[in-house]
């Protein structure tokens, strides 16, 4: 649960930067040009468009990843290899 929460917080912080990077790649311009092409209303909300689904995917994804890591790292074969 804590792993999924921390992944969601990290995603919420990094999401606008990733959105701006994608806009720059699609437009083939620098960051200033990509940001200035947005209207004032868009500047406040456009970089967070789609953040909800990005956050939602971390619930099953991060939880499964943590559970598999715990299972593999504490398996008997892993304990034999580490000794």
Protein backbone atom coordinates (compact mmCIF):
# COMPACT_ATOMS: atom_id res chain seq x y z
CA UNK A 1 0.00 0.00 0.00
CA UNK A 2 2.80 2.42 0.89
CA UNK A 3 4.64 1.54 -2.32
CA UNK A 4 1.61 2.29 -4.47
CA UNK A 5 1.00 5.57 -2.62
CA UNK A 6 4.58 6.72 -3.06
CA UNK A 7 4.46 5.79 -6.76
CA UNK A 8 1.27 7.83 -7.16
CA UNK A 9 2.86 10.86 -5.47
CA UNK A 10 5.92 10.58 -7.71
CA UNK A 11 3.71 10.29 -10.79
CA UNK A 12 1.68 13.37 -9.80
CA UNK A 13 4.89 15.40 -9.44
CA UNK A 14 6.54 14.15 -12.64
CA UNK A 15 3.43 14.09 -14.86
CA UNK A 16 3.48 17.75 -16.00
CA UNK A 17 7.15 17.45 -16.99
CA UNK A 18 6.40 14.33 -19.00
CA UNK A 19 3.47 16.08 -20.69
CA UNK A 20 5.66 19.02 -21.64
CA UNK A 21 8.35 16.65 -22.97
CA UNK A 22 5.76 14.89 -25.13
CA UNK A 23 4.49 18.23 -26.49
CA UNK A 24 8.06 19.25 -27.31
CA UNK A 25 8.68 15.99 -29.17
CA UNK A 26 5.45 16.26 -31.15
CA UNK A 27 5.95 19.92 -32.07
CA UNK A 28 9.71 19.69 -32.60
CA UNK A 29 10.36 22.88 -30.62
CA UNK A 30 12.00 23.94 -27.35
CA UNK A 31 10.30 23.95 -23.97
CA UNK A 32 9.54 27.68 -24.07
CA UNK A 33 7.78 27.40 -27.41
CA UNK A 34 5.81 24.33 -26.36
CA UNK A 35 4.60 26.03 -23.17
CA UNK A 36 3.84 29.36 -24.86
CA UNK A 37 1.61 27.66 -27.46
CA UNK A 38 -0.87 26.90 -24.69
CA UNK A 39 -3.67 29.33 -23.91
CA UNK A 40 -3.71 30.82 -20.37
CA UNK A 41 -6.52 28.46 -19.38
CA UNK A 42 -4.67 25.50 -20.84
CA UNK A 43 -1.45 26.45 -19.08
CA UNK A 44 -3.08 25.79 -15.72
CA UNK A 45 -4.68 22.44 -16.58
CA UNK A 46 -3.34 21.03 -19.84
CA UNK A 47 -0.16 19.61 -18.40
CA UNK A 48 -2.24 17.54 -15.94
CA UNK A 49 -4.64 16.22 -18.60
CA UNK A 50 -4.69 12.43 -18.16
CA UNK A 51 -3.13 12.36 -14.71
CA UNK A 52 -6.11 10.50 -13.26
CA UNK A 53 -5.59 7.36 -15.32
CA UNK A 54 -1.84 7.55 -14.77
CA UNK A 55 -2.39 7.60 -11.02
CA UNK A 56 -5.01 4.85 -11.18
CA UNK A 57 -2.66 2.47 -13.01
CA UNK A 58 -0.23 2.59 -10.10
CA UNK A 59 -2.68 0.84 -7.78
CA UNK A 60 -2.48 -2.57 -9.48
CA UNK A 61 0.92 -2.04 -11.09
CA UNK A 62 2.90 -0.96 -8.02
CA UNK A 63 1.08 -3.32 -5.70
CA UNK A 64 1.79 -6.29 -7.95
CA UNK A 65 5.40 -5.26 -8.40
CA UNK A 66 5.92 -4.98 -4.62
CA UNK A 67 4.22 -8.31 -3.97
CA UNK A 68 6.31 -10.11 -6.61
CA UNK A 69 9.50 -8.56 -5.30
CA UNK A 70 8.72 -9.69 -1.76
CA UNK A 71 7.92 -13.20 -2.99
CA UNK A 72 11.06 -13.56 -5.09
CA UNK A 73 13.46 -11.93 -2.65
CA UNK A 74 12.40 -14.17 0.26
CA UNK A 75 12.14 -17.45 -1.65
CA UNK A 76 14.21 -20.41 -0.39
CA UNK A 77 16.31 -20.54 -3.56
CA UNK A 78 17.20 -16.87 -3.21
CA UNK A 79 18.27 -17.50 0.40
CA UNK A 80 20.56 -20.36 -0.71
CA UNK A 81 22.16 -18.26 -3.42
CA UNK A 82 22.84 -15.37 -1.02
CA UNK A 83 24.60 -17.59 1.55
